Amino acid sequence: VVGIGILWRQGYTTQRICSNGKPYDVFED
């Protein structure tokens, strides 16, 4: 088997939680 895909330069969201309990999204290289 050989795999084919995409190199997502910032991937998928890094999801963090604010001090008020609400989630927010961060994108990292």
mmCIF file of all heavy atoms, coordinates in Angstrom:
data_MODEL
# 
_entry.id   MODEL 
# 
loop_
_atom_site.group_PDB 
_atom_site.id 
_atom_site.type_symbol 
_atom_site.label_atom_id 
_atom_site.label_alt_id 
_atom_site.label_comp_id 
_atom_site.label_asym_id 
_atom_site.label_entity_id 
_atom_site.label_seq_id 
_atom_site.pdbx_PDB_ins_code 
_atom_site.Cartn_x 
_atom_site.Cartn_y 
_atom_site.Cartn_z 
_atom_site.occupancy 
_atom_site.B_iso_or_equiv 
_atom_site.pdbx_formal_charge 
_atom_site.auth_seq_id 
_atom_site.auth_comp_id 
_atom_site.auth_asym_id 
_atom_site.auth_atom_id 
_atom_site.pdbx_PDB_model_num 
ATOM 1   N N   . VAL A 1 1  ? 0.851   -1.185 0.000  1.00 0.00 ? 1  VAL A N   1 
ATOM 2   C CA  . VAL A 1 1  ? 0.000   0.000  0.000  1.00 0.00 ? 1  VAL A CA  1 
ATOM 3   C C   . VAL A 1 1  ? 0.886   1.234  0.000  1.00 0.00 ? 1  VAL A C   1 
ATOM 4   O O   . VAL A 1 1  ? 1.922   1.278  0.664  1.00 0.00 ? 1  VAL A O   1 
ATOM 5   C CB  . VAL A 1 1  ? -0.919  0.016  1.245  1.00 0.00 ? 1  VAL A CB  1 
ATOM 6   C CG1 . VAL A 1 1  ? -1.712  1.322  1.321  1.00 0.00 ? 1  VAL A CG1 1 
ATOM 7   C CG2 . VAL A 1 1  ? -1.869  -1.184 1.241  1.00 0.00 ? 1  VAL A CG2 1 
ATOM 8   N N   . VAL A 1 2  ? 0.472   2.247  -0.737 1.00 0.00 ? 2  VAL A N   1 
ATOM 9   C CA  . VAL A 1 2  ? 1.126   3.552  -0.696 1.00 0.00 ? 2  VAL A CA  1 
ATOM 10  C C   . VAL A 1 2  ? 0.042   4.589  -0.435 1.00 0.00 ? 2  VAL A C   1 
ATOM 11  O O   . VAL A 1 2  ? -1.046  4.517  -0.999 1.00 0.00 ? 2  VAL A O   1 
ATOM 12  C CB  . VAL A 1 2  ? 1.891   3.850  -2.006 1.00 0.00 ? 2  VAL A CB  1 
ATOM 13  C CG1 . VAL A 1 2  ? 0.980   3.768  -3.217 1.00 0.00 ? 2  VAL A CG1 1 
ATOM 14  C CG2 . VAL A 1 2  ? 2.570   5.205  -1.948 1.00 0.00 ? 2  VAL A CG2 1 
ATOM 15  N N   . GLY A 1 3  ? 0.310   5.531  0.464  1.00 0.00 ? 3  GLY A N   1 
ATOM 16  C CA  . GLY A 1 3  ? -0.676  6.529  0.826  1.00 0.00 ? 3  GLY A CA  1 
ATOM 17  C C   . GLY A 1 3  ? -0.468  7.838  0.090  1.00 0.00 ? 3  GLY A C   1 
ATOM 18  O O   . GLY A 1 3  ? 0.669   8.242  -0.189 1.00 0.00 ? 3  GLY A O   1 
ATOM 19  N N   . ILE A 1 4  ? -1.573  8.508  -0.215 1.00 0.00 ? 4  ILE A N   1 
ATOM 20  C CA  . ILE A 1 4  ? -1.554  9.835  -0.843 1.00 0.00 ? 4  ILE A CA  1 
ATOM 21  C C   . ILE A 1 4  ? -2.464  10.754 -0.031 1.00 0.00 ? 4  ILE A C   1 
ATOM 22  O O   . ILE A 1 4  ? -3.609  10.404 0.267  1.00 0.00 ? 4  ILE A O   1 
ATOM 23  C CB  . ILE A 1 4  ? -2.061  9.793  -2.301 1.00 0.00 ? 4  ILE A CB  1 
ATOM 24  C CG1 . ILE A 1 4  ? -1.183  8.876  -3.165 1.00 0.00 ? 4  ILE A CG1 1 
ATOM 25  C CG2 . ILE A 1 4  ? -2.144  11.196 -2.886 1.00 0.00 ? 4  ILE A CG2 1 
ATOM 26  C CD1 . ILE A 1 4  ? 0.193   9.421  -3.453 1.00 0.00 ? 4  ILE A CD1 1 
ATOM 27  N N   . GLY A 1 5  ? -1.944  11.937 0.318  1.00 0.00 ? 5  GLY A N   1 
ATOM 28  C CA  . GLY A 1 5  ? -2.742  12.885 1.090  1.00 0.00 ? 5  GLY A CA  1 
ATOM 29  C C   . GLY A 1 5  ? -2.262  14.301 0.870  1.00 0.00 ? 5  GLY A C   1 
ATOM 30  O O   . GLY A 1 5  ? -1.577  14.604 -0.117 1.00 0.00 ? 5  GLY A O   1 
ATOM 31  N N   . ILE A 1 6  ? -2.613  15.178 1.789  1.00 0.00 ? 6  ILE A N   1 
ATOM 32  C CA  . ILE A 1 6  ? -2.268  16.592 1.702  1.00 0.00 ? 6  ILE A CA  1 
ATOM 33  C C   . ILE A 1 6  ? -1.475  17.000 2.936  1.00 0.00 ? 6  ILE A C   1 
ATOM 34  O O   . ILE A 1 6  ? -1.792  16.577 4.057  1.00 0.00 ? 6  ILE A O   1 
ATOM 35  C CB  . ILE A 1 6  ? -3.529  17.460 1.551  1.00 0.00 ? 6  ILE A CB  1 
ATOM 36  C CG1 . ILE A 1 6  ? -4.126  17.287 0.147  1.00 0.00 ? 6  ILE A CG1 1 
ATOM 37  C CG2 . ILE A 1 6  ? -3.245  18.933 1.825  1.00 0.00 ? 6  ILE A CG2 1 
ATOM 38  C CD1 . ILE A 1 6  ? -5.383  18.091 -0.114 1.00 0.00 ? 6  ILE A CD1 1 
ATOM 39  N N   . LEU A 1 7  ? -0.461  17.810 2.723  1.00 0.00 ? 7  LEU A N   1 
ATOM 40  C CA  . LEU A 1 7  ? 0.297   18.377 3.836  1.00 0.00 ? 7  LEU A CA  1 
ATOM 41  C C   . LEU A 1 7  ? -0.361  19.696 4.238  1.00 0.00 ? 7  LEU A C   1 
ATOM 42  O O   . LEU A 1 7  ? -0.157  20.730 3.594  1.00 0.00 ? 7  LEU A O   1 
ATOM 43  C CB  . LEU A 1 7  ? 1.757   18.611 3.448  1.00 0.00 ? 7  LEU A CB  1 
ATOM 44  C CG  . LEU A 1 7  ? 2.624   19.149 4.592  1.00 0.00 ? 7  LEU A CG  1 
ATOM 45  C CD1 . LEU A 1 7  ? 2.745   18.122 5.711  1.00 0.00 ? 7  LEU A CD1 1 
ATOM 46  C CD2 . LEU A 1 7  ? 3.996   19.561 4.093  1.00 0.00 ? 7  LEU A CD2 1 
ATOM 47  N N   . TRP A 1 8  ? -1.153  19.648 5.275  1.00 0.00 ? 8  TRP A N   1 
ATOM 48  C CA  . TRP A 1 8  ? -1.837  20.839 5.765  1.00 0.00 ? 8  TRP A CA  1 
ATOM 49  C C   . TRP A 1 8  ? -0.852  21.655 6.592  1.00 0.00 ? 8  TRP A C   1 
ATOM 50  O O   . TRP A 1 8  ? -0.460  21.248 7.689  1.00 0.00 ? 8  TRP A O   1 
ATOM 51  C CB  . TRP A 1 8  ? -3.059  20.442 6.591  1.00 0.00 ? 8  TRP A CB  1 
ATOM 52  C CG  . TRP A 1 8  ? -4.025  19.626 5.797  1.00 0.00 ? 8  TRP A CG  1 
ATOM 53  C CD1 . TRP A 1 8  ? -4.200  18.279 5.842  1.00 0.00 ? 8  TRP A CD1 1 
ATOM 54  C CD2 . TRP A 1 8  ? -4.931  20.111 4.798  1.00 0.00 ? 8  TRP A CD2 1 
ATOM 55  N NE1 . TRP A 1 8  ? -5.153  17.877 4.951  1.00 0.00 ? 8  TRP A NE1 1 
ATOM 56  C CE2 . TRP A 1 8  ? -5.627  18.991 4.291  1.00 0.00 ? 8  TRP A CE2 1 
ATOM 57  C CE3 . TRP A 1 8  ? -5.223  21.372 4.290  1.00 0.00 ? 8  TRP A CE3 1 
ATOM 58  C CZ2 . TRP A 1 8  ? -6.593  19.096 3.297  1.00 0.00 ? 8  TRP A CZ2 1 
ATOM 59  C CZ3 . TRP A 1 8  ? -6.188  21.487 3.308  1.00 0.00 ? 8  TRP A CZ3 1 
ATOM 60  C CH2 . TRP A 1 8  ? -6.868  20.363 2.821  1.00 0.00 ? 8  TRP A CH2 1 
ATOM 61  N N   . ARG A 1 9  ? -0.459  22.814 6.065  1.00 0.00 ? 9  ARG A N   1 
ATOM 62  C CA  . ARG A 1 9  ? 0.614   23.586 6.692  1.00 0.00 ? 9  ARG A CA  1 
ATOM 63  C C   . ARG A 1 9  ? 0.273   24.050 8.106  1.00 0.00 ? 9  ARG A C   1 
ATOM 64  O O   . ARG A 1 9  ? 1.158   24.217 8.937  1.00 0.00 ? 9  ARG A O   1 
ATOM 65  C CB  . ARG A 1 9  ? 0.976   24.784 5.816  1.00 0.00 ? 9  ARG A CB  1 
ATOM 66  C CG  . ARG A 1 9  ? 1.845   24.436 4.610  1.00 0.00 ? 9  ARG A CG  1 
ATOM 67  C CD  . ARG A 1 9  ? 3.188   23.821 5.040  1.00 0.00 ? 9  ARG A CD  1 
ATOM 68  N NE  . ARG A 1 9  ? 4.103   23.720 3.920  1.00 0.00 ? 9  ARG A NE  1 
ATOM 69  C CZ  . ARG A 1 9  ? 5.121   24.555 3.704  1.00 0.00 ? 9  ARG A CZ  1 
ATOM 70  N NH1 . ARG A 1 9  ? 5.346   25.555 4.546  1.00 0.00 ? 9  ARG A NH1 1 
ATOM 71  N NH2 . ARG A 1 9  ? 5.914   24.386 2.664  1.00 0.00 ? 9  ARG A NH2 1 
ATOM 72  N N   . GLN A 1 10 ? -1.024  24.276 8.369  1.00 0.00 ? 10 GLN A N   1 
ATOM 73  C CA  . GLN A 1 10 ? -1.432  24.605 9.738  1.00 0.00 ? 10 GLN A CA  1 
ATOM 74  C C   . GLN A 1 10 ? -2.398  23.560 10.295 1.00 0.00 ? 10 GLN A C   1 
ATOM 75  O O   . GLN A 1 10 ? -3.070  23.798 11.298 1.00 0.00 ? 10 GLN A O   1 
ATOM 76  C CB  . GLN A 1 10 ? -2.056  25.994 9.802  1.00 0.00 ? 10 GLN A CB  1 
ATOM 77  C CG  . GLN A 1 10 ? -1.036  27.114 9.622  1.00 0.00 ? 10 GLN A CG  1 
ATOM 78  C CD  . GLN A 1 10 ? -1.560  28.462 10.064 1.00 0.00 ? 10 GLN A CD  1 
ATOM 79  O OE1 . GLN A 1 10 ? -2.761  28.726 10.093 1.00 0.00 ? 10 GLN A OE1 1 
ATOM 80  N NE2 . GLN A 1 10 ? -0.643  29.352 10.432 1.00 0.00 ? 10 GLN A NE2 1 
ATOM 81  N N   . GLY A 1 11 ? -2.400  22.396 9.684  1.00 0.00 ? 11 GLY A N   1 
ATOM 82  C CA  . GLY A 1 11 ? -3.161  21.267 10.197 1.00 0.00 ? 11 GLY A CA  1 
ATOM 83  C C   . GLY A 1 11 ? -4.625  21.583 10.438 1.00 0.00 ? 11 GLY A C   1 
ATOM 84  O O   . GLY A 1 11 ? -5.272  22.309 9.691  1.00 0.00 ? 11 GLY A O   1 
ATOM 85  N N   . TYR A 1 12 ? -5.138  20.978 11.504 1.00 0.00 ? 12 TYR A N   1 
ATOM 86  C CA  . TYR A 1 12 ? -6.498  21.237 11.958 1.00 0.00 ? 12 TYR A CA  1 
ATOM 87  C C   . TYR A 1 12 ? -6.395  22.111 13.200 1.00 0.00 ? 12 TYR A C   1 
ATOM 88  O O   . TYR A 1 12 ? -5.312  22.324 13.746 1.00 0.00 ? 12 TYR A O   1 
ATOM 89  C CB  . TYR A 1 12 ? -7.208  19.921 12.268 1.00 0.00 ? 12 TYR A CB  1 
ATOM 90  C CG  . TYR A 1 12 ? -8.697  20.017 12.438 1.00 0.00 ? 12 TYR A CG  1 
ATOM 91  C CD1 . TYR A 1 12 ? -9.499  20.531 11.431 1.00 0.00 ? 12 TYR A CD1 1 
ATOM 92  C CD2 . TYR A 1 12 ? -9.315  19.581 13.608 1.00 0.00 ? 12 TYR A CD2 1 
ATOM 93  C CE1 . TYR A 1 12 ? -10.877 20.609 11.574 1.00 0.00 ? 12 TYR A CE1 1 
ATOM 94  C CE2 . TYR A 1 12 ? -10.689 19.648 13.765 1.00 0.00 ? 12 TYR A CE2 1 
ATOM 95  C CZ  . TYR A 1 12 ? -11.474 20.171 12.746 1.00 0.00 ? 12 TYR A CZ  1 
ATOM 96  O OH  . TYR A 1 12 ? -12.832 20.252 12.898 1.00 0.00 ? 12 TYR A OH  1 
ATOM 97  N N   . THR A 1 13 ? -7.505  22.595 13.694 1.00 0.00 ? 13 THR A N   1 
ATOM 98  C CA  . THR A 1 13 ? -7.475  23.512 14.819 1.00 0.00 ? 13 THR A CA  1 
ATOM 99  C C   . THR A 1 13 ? -6.873  22.895 16.084 1.00 0.00 ? 13 THR A C   1 
ATOM 100 O O   . THR A 1 13 ? -7.119  21.727 16.407 1.00 0.00 ? 13 THR A O   1 
ATOM 101 C CB  . THR A 1 13 ? -8.896  24.016 15.150 1.00 0.00 ? 13 THR A CB  1 
ATOM 102 O OG1 . THR A 1 13 ? -8.853  24.784 16.334 1.00 0.00 ? 13 THR A OG1 1 
ATOM 103 C CG2 . THR A 1 13 ? -9.865  22.862 15.352 1.00 0.00 ? 13 THR A CG2 1 
ATOM 104 N N   . THR A 1 14 ? -6.077  23.694 16.784 1.00 0.00 ? 14 THR A N   1 
ATOM 105 C CA  . THR A 1 14 ? -5.731  23.417 18.174 1.00 0.00 ? 14 THR A CA  1 
ATOM 106 C C   . THR A 1 14 ? -6.783  24.140 18.996 1.00 0.00 ? 14 THR A C   1 
ATOM 107 O O   . THR A 1 14 ? -6.901  25.362 18.914 1.00 0.00 ? 14 THR A O   1 
ATOM 108 C CB  . THR A 1 14 ? -4.325  23.953 18.507 1.00 0.00 ? 14 THR A CB  1 
ATOM 109 O OG1 . THR A 1 14 ? -3.365  23.273 17.701 1.00 0.00 ? 14 THR A OG1 1 
ATOM 110 C CG2 . THR A 1 14 ? -4.001  23.752 19.975 1.00 0.00 ? 14 THR A CG2 1 
ATOM 111 N N   . GLN A 1 15 ? -7.589  23.386 19.749 1.00 0.00 ? 15 GLN A N   1 
ATOM 112 C CA  . GLN A 1 15 ? -8.751  23.978 20.410 1.00 0.00 ? 15 GLN A CA  1 
ATOM 113 C C   . GLN A 1 15 ? -8.490  24.139 21.906 1.00 0.00 ? 15 GLN A C   1 
ATOM 114 O O   . GLN A 1 15 ? -8.270  23.155 22.619 1.00 0.00 ? 15 GLN A O   1 
ATOM 115 C CB  . GLN A 1 15 ? -9.990  23.111 20.176 1.00 0.00 ? 15 GLN A CB  1 
ATOM 116 C CG  . GLN A 1 15 ? -11.233 23.899 19.877 1.00 0.00 ? 15 GLN A CG  1 
ATOM 117 C CD  . GLN A 1 15 ? -12.241 23.092 19.097 1.00 0.00 ? 15 GLN A CD  1 
ATOM 118 O OE1 . GLN A 1 15 ? -12.675 22.034 19.553 1.00 0.00 ? 15 GLN A OE1 1 
ATOM 119 N NE2 . GLN A 1 15 ? -12.643 23.580 17.923 1.00 0.00 ? 15 GLN A NE2 1 
ATOM 120 N N   . ARG A 1 16 ? -8.486  25.368 22.347 1.00 0.00 ? 16 ARG A N   1 
ATOM 121 C CA  . ARG A 1 16 ? -8.212  25.693 23.746 1.00 0.00 ? 16 ARG A CA  1 
ATOM 122 C C   . ARG A 1 16 ? -9.479  26.221 24.431 1.00 0.00 ? 16 ARG A C   1 
ATOM 123 O O   . ARG A 1 16 ? -10.455 26.565 23.772 1.00 0.00 ? 16 ARG A O   1 
ATOM 124 C CB  . ARG A 1 16 ? -7.100  26.748 23.832 1.00 0.00 ? 16 ARG A CB  1 
ATOM 125 C CG  . ARG A 1 16 ? -5.783  26.319 23.203 1.00 0.00 ? 16 ARG A CG  1 
ATOM 126 C CD  . ARG A 1 16 ? -5.179  25.136 23.930 1.00 0.00 ? 16 ARG A CD  1 
ATOM 127 N NE  . ARG A 1 16 ? -3.886  24.750 23.378 1.00 0.00 ? 16 ARG A NE  1 
ATOM 128 C CZ  . ARG A 1 16 ? -3.243  23.634 23.709 1.00 0.00 ? 16 ARG A CZ  1 
ATOM 129 N NH1 . ARG A 1 16 ? -3.779  22.800 24.584 1.00 0.00 ? 16 ARG A NH1 1 
ATOM 130 N NH2 . ARG A 1 16 ? -2.077  23.357 23.165 1.00 0.00 ? 16 ARG A NH2 1 
ATOM 131 N N   . ILE A 1 17 ? -9.413  26.294 25.764 1.00 0.00 ? 17 ILE A N   1 
ATOM 132 C CA  . ILE A 1 17 ? -10.536 26.770 26.559 1.00 0.00 ? 17 ILE A CA  1 
ATOM 133 C C   . ILE A 1 17 ? -10.137 28.050 27.288 1.00 0.00 ? 17 ILE A C   1 
ATOM 134 O O   . ILE A 1 17 ? -9.123  28.077 27.996 1.00 0.00 ? 17 ILE A O   1 
ATOM 135 C CB  . ILE A 1 17 ? -10.995 25.713 27.589 1.00 0.00 ? 17 ILE A CB  1 
ATOM 136 C CG1 . ILE A 1 17 ? -11.303 24.374 26.899 1.00 0.00 ? 17 ILE A CG1 1 
ATOM 137 C CG2 . ILE A 1 17 ? -12.202 26.212 28.375 1.00 0.00 ? 17 ILE A CG2 1 
ATOM 138 C CD1 . ILE A 1 17 ? -12.443 24.408 25.920 1.00 0.00 ? 17 ILE A CD1 1 
ATOM 139 N N   . CYS A 1 18 ? -10.922 29.106 27.096 1.00 0.00 ? 18 CYS A N   1 
ATOM 140 C CA  . CYS A 1 18 ? -10.684 30.374 27.802 1.00 0.00 ? 18 CYS A CA  1 
ATOM 141 C C   . CYS A 1 18 ? -10.986 30.207 29.293 1.00 0.00 ? 18 CYS A C   1 
ATOM 142 O O   . CYS A 1 18 ? -11.654 29.255 29.715 1.00 0.00 ? 18 CYS A O   1 
ATOM 143 C CB  . CYS A 1 18 ? -11.598 31.470 27.259 1.00 0.00 ? 18 CYS A CB  1 
ATOM 144 S SG  . CYS A 1 18 ? -11.147 32.123 25.655 1.00 0.00 ? 18 CYS A SG  1 
ATOM 145 N N   . SER A 1 19 ? -10.553 31.188 30.056 1.00 0.00 ? 19 SER A N   1 
ATOM 146 C CA  . SER A 1 19 ? -10.840 31.178 31.494 1.00 0.00 ? 19 SER A CA  1 
ATOM 147 C C   . SER A 1 19 ? -12.338 31.270 31.762 1.00 0.00 ? 19 SER A C   1 
ATOM 148 O O   . SER A 1 19 ? -12.818 30.836 32.820 1.00 0.00 ? 19 SER A O   1 
ATOM 149 C CB  . SER A 1 19 ? -10.113 32.337 32.180 1.00 0.00 ? 19 SER A CB  1 
ATOM 150 O OG  . SER A 1 19 ? -10.493 33.572 31.589 1.00 0.00 ? 19 SER A OG  1 
ATOM 151 N N   . ASN A 1 20 ? -13.102 31.788 30.801 1.00 0.00 ? 20 ASN A N   1 
ATOM 152 C CA  . ASN A 1 20 ? -14.556 31.864 30.973 1.00 0.00 ? 20 ASN A CA  1 
ATOM 153 C C   . ASN A 1 20 ? -15.270 30.587 30.523 1.00 0.00 ? 20 ASN A C   1 
ATOM 154 O O   . ASN A 1 20 ? -16.504 30.533 30.505 1.00 0.00 ? 20 ASN A O   1 
ATOM 155 C CB  . ASN A 1 20 ? -15.114 33.073 30.227 1.00 0.00 ? 20 ASN A CB  1 
ATOM 156 C CG  . ASN A 1 20 ? -14.916 32.980 28.715 1.00 0.00 ? 20 ASN A CG  1 
ATOM 157 O OD1 . ASN A 1 20 ? -14.448 31.963 28.199 1.00 0.00 ? 20 ASN A OD1 1 
ATOM 158 N ND2 . ASN A 1 20 ? -15.261 34.058 28.004 1.00 0.00 ? 20 ASN A ND2 1 
ATOM 159 N N   . GLY A 1 21 ? -14.488 29.576 30.148 1.00 0.00 ? 21 GLY A N   1 
ATOM 160 C CA  . GLY A 1 21 ? -15.064 28.284 29.775 1.00 0.00 ? 21 GLY A CA  1 
ATOM 161 C C   . GLY A 1 21 ? -15.432 28.144 28.319 1.00 0.00 ? 21 GLY A C   1 
ATOM 162 O O   . GLY A 1 21 ? -15.925 27.090 27.897 1.00 0.00 ? 21 GLY A O   1 
ATOM 163 N N   . LYS A 1 22 ? -15.180 29.170 27.520 1.00 0.00 ? 22 LYS A N   1 
ATOM 164 C CA  . LYS A 1 22 ? -15.533 29.099 26.102 1.00 0.00 ? 22 LYS A CA  1 
ATOM 165 C C   . LYS A 1 22 ? -14.337 28.638 25.266 1.00 0.00 ? 22 LYS A C   1 
ATOM 166 O O   . LYS A 1 22 ? -13.208 29.079 25.505 1.00 0.00 ? 22 LYS A O   1 
ATOM 167 C CB  . LYS A 1 22 ? -16.027 30.455 25.610 1.00 0.00 ? 22 LYS A CB  1 
ATOM 168 C CG  . LYS A 1 22 ? -17.338 30.882 26.244 1.00 0.00 ? 22 LYS A CG  1 
ATOM 169 C CD  . LYS A 1 22 ? -17.833 32.196 25.676 1.00 0.00 ? 22 LYS A CD  1 
ATOM 170 C CE  . LYS A 1 22 ? -19.175 32.594 26.290 1.00 0.00 ? 22 LYS A CE  1 
ATOM 171 N NZ  . LYS A 1 22 ? -19.662 33.884 25.749 1.00 0.00 ? 22 LYS A NZ  1 
ATOM 172 N N   . PRO A 1 23 ? -14.573 27.743 24.306 1.00 0.00 ? 23 PRO A N   1 
ATOM 173 C CA  . PRO A 1 23 ? -13.475 27.268 23.457 1.00 0.00 ? 23 PRO A CA  1 
ATOM 174 C C   . PRO A 1 23 ? -13.088 28.287 22.390 1.00 0.00 ? 23 PRO A C   1 
ATOM 175 O O   . PRO A 1 23 ? -13.909 29.085 21.956 1.00 0.00 ? 23 PRO A O   1 
ATOM 176 C CB  . PRO A 1 23 ? -14.039 25.993 22.821 1.00 0.00 ? 23 PRO A CB  1 
ATOM 177 C CG  . PRO A 1 23 ? -15.514 26.126 22.906 1.00 0.00 ? 23 PRO A CG  1 
ATOM 178 C CD  . PRO A 1 23 ? -15.845 27.064 24.025 1.00 0.00 ? 23 PRO A CD  1 
ATOM 179 N N   . TYR A 1 24 ? -11.825 28.240 22.004 1.00 0.00 ? 24 TYR A N   1 
ATOM 180 C CA  . TYR A 1 24 ? -11.365 29.074 20.898 1.00 0.00 ? 24 TYR A CA  1 
ATOM 181 C C   . TYR A 1 24 ? -10.338 28.289 20.094 1.00 0.00 ? 24 TYR A C   1 
ATOM 182 O O   . TYR A 1 24 ? -9.759  27.303 20.572 1.00 0.00 ? 24 TYR A O   1 
ATOM 183 C CB  . TYR A 1 24 ? -10.789 30.401 21.389 1.00 0.00 ? 24 TYR A CB  1 
ATOM 184 C CG  . TYR A 1 24 ? -9.531  30.289 22.226 1.00 0.00 ? 24 TYR A CG  1 
ATOM 185 C CD1 . TYR A 1 24 ? -8.276  30.450 21.655 1.00 0.00 ? 24 TYR A CD1 1 
ATOM 186 C CD2 . TYR A 1 24 ? -9.609  30.034 23.597 1.00 0.00 ? 24 TYR A CD2 1 
ATOM 187 C CE1 . TYR A 1 24 ? -7.118  30.354 22.415 1.00 0.00 ? 24 TYR A CE1 1 
ATOM 188 C CE2 . TYR A 1 24 ? -8.462  29.936 24.367 1.00 0.00 ? 24 TYR A CE2 1 
ATOM 189 C CZ  . TYR A 1 24 ? -7.220  30.091 23.779 1.00 0.00 ? 24 TYR A CZ  1 
ATOM 190 O OH  . TYR A 1 24 ? -6.080  29.989 24.530 1.00 0.00 ? 24 TYR A OH  1 
ATOM 191 N N   . ASP A 1 25 ? -10.112 28.724 18.850 1.00 0.00 ? 25 ASP A N   1 
ATOM 192 C CA  . ASP A 1 25 ? -9.265  27.988 17.916 1.00 0.00 ? 25 ASP A CA  1 
ATOM 193 C C   . ASP A 1 25 ? -7.934  28.684 17.708 1.00 0.00 ? 25 ASP A C   1 
ATOM 194 O O   . ASP A 1 25 ? -7.870  29.905 17.574 1.00 0.00 ? 25 ASP A O   1 
ATOM 195 C CB  . ASP A 1 25 ? -9.973  27.830 16.564 1.00 0.00 ? 25 ASP A CB  1 
ATOM 196 C CG  . ASP A 1 25 ? -11.253 27.025 16.672 1.00 0.00 ? 25 ASP A CG  1 
ATOM 197 O OD1 . ASP A 1 25 ? -11.147 25.842 17.029 1.00 0.00 ? 25 ASP A OD1 1 
ATOM 198 O OD2 . ASP A 1 25 ? -12.345 27.574 16.413 1.00 0.00 ? 25 ASP A OD2 1 
ATOM 199 N N   . VAL A 1 26 ? -6.880  27.876 17.673 1.00 0.00 ? 26 VAL A N   1 
ATOM 200 C CA  . VAL A 1 26 ? -5.533  28.356 17.404 1.00 0.00 ? 26 VAL A CA  1 
ATOM 201 C C   . VAL A 1 26 ? -4.981  27.521 16.253 1.00 0.00 ? 26 VAL A C   1 
ATOM 202 O O   . VAL A 1 26 ? -5.197  26.301 16.203 1.00 0.00 ? 26 VAL A O   1 
ATOM 203 C CB  . VAL A 1 26 ? -4.625  28.194 18.650 1.00 0.00 ? 26 VAL A CB  1 
ATOM 204 C CG1 . VAL A 1 26 ? -3.204  28.635 18.339 1.00 0.00 ? 26 VAL A CG1 1 
ATOM 205 C CG2 . VAL A 1 26 ? -5.183  28.991 19.825 1.00 0.00 ? 26 VAL A CG2 1 
ATOM 206 N N   . PHE A 1 27 ? -4.278  28.162 15.334 1.00 0.00 ? 27 PHE A N   1 
ATOM 207 C CA  . PHE A 1 27 ? -3.691  27.442 14.208 1.00 0.00 ? 27 PHE A CA  1 
ATOM 208 C C   . PHE A 1 27 ? -2.184  27.636 14.236 1.00 0.00 ? 27 PHE A C   1 
ATOM 209 O O   . PHE A 1 27 ? -1.695  28.765 14.282 1.00 0.00 ? 27 PHE A O   1 
ATOM 210 C CB  . PHE A 1 27 ? -4.293  27.927 12.891 1.00 0.00 ? 27 PHE A CB  1 
ATOM 211 C CG  . PHE A 1 27 ? -5.755  27.622 12.777 1.00 0.00 ? 27 PHE A CG  1 
ATOM 212 C CD1 . PHE A 1 27 ? -6.711  28.540 13.208 1.00 0.00 ? 27 PHE A CD1 1 
ATOM 213 C CD2 . PHE A 1 27 ? -6.183  26.405 12.281 1.00 0.00 ? 27 PHE A CD2 1 
ATOM 214 C CE1 . PHE A 1 27 ? -8.066  28.251 13.125 1.00 0.00 ? 27 PHE A CE1 1 
ATOM 215 C CE2 . PHE A 1 27 ? -7.532  26.105 12.189 1.00 0.00 ? 27 PHE A CE2 1 
ATOM 216 C CZ  . PHE A 1 27 ? -8.469  27.029 12.620 1.00 0.00 ? 27 PHE A CZ  1 
ATOM 217 N N   . GLU A 1 28 ? -1.458  26.535 14.230 1.00 0.00 ? 28 GLU A N   1 
ATOM 218 C CA  . GLU A 1 28 ? -0.007  26.571 14.377 1.00 0.00 ? 28 GLU A CA  1 
ATOM 219 C C   . GLU A 1 28 ? 0.649   25.867 13.198 1.00 0.00 ? 28 GLU A C   1 
ATOM 220 O O   . GLU A 1 28 ? 0.133   24.859 12.690 1.00 0.00 ? 28 GLU A O   1 
ATOM 221 C CB  . GLU A 1 28 ? 0.395   25.881 15.688 1.00 0.00 ? 28 GLU A CB  1 
ATOM 222 C CG  . GLU A 1 28 ? -0.230  26.538 16.922 1.00 0.00 ? 28 GLU A CG  1 
ATOM 223 C CD  . GLU A 1 28 ? -0.051  25.710 18.188 1.00 0.00 ? 28 GLU A CD  1 
ATOM 224 O OE1 . GLU A 1 28 ? 0.266   24.506 18.061 1.00 0.00 ? 28 GLU A OE1 1 
ATOM 225 O OE2 . GLU A 1 28 ? -0.236  26.254 19.286 1.00 0.00 ? 28 GLU A OE2 1 
ATOM 226 N N   . ASP A 1 29 ? 1.789   26.370 12.766 1.00 0.00 ? 29 ASP A N   1 
ATOM 227 C CA  . ASP A 1 29 ? 2.519   25.758 11.655 1.00 0.00 ? 29 ASP A CA  1 
ATOM 228 C C   . ASP A 1 29 ? 3.040   24.379 12.052 1.00 0.00 ? 29 ASP A C   1 
ATOM 229 O O   . ASP A 1 29 ? 3.528   24.178 13.170 1.00 0.00 ? 29 ASP A O   1 
ATOM 230 C CB  . ASP A 1 29 ? 3.695   26.640 11.242 1.00 0.00 ? 29 ASP A CB  1 
ATOM 231 C CG  . ASP A 1 29 ? 3.249   27.961 10.623 1.00 0.00 ? 29 ASP A CG  1 
ATOM 232 O OD1 . ASP A 1 29 ? 2.101   28.023 10.131 1.00 0.00 ? 29 ASP A OD1 1 
ATOM 233 O OD2 . ASP A 1 29 ? 4.047   28.920 10.646 1.00 0.00 ? 29 ASP A OD2 1 
# 
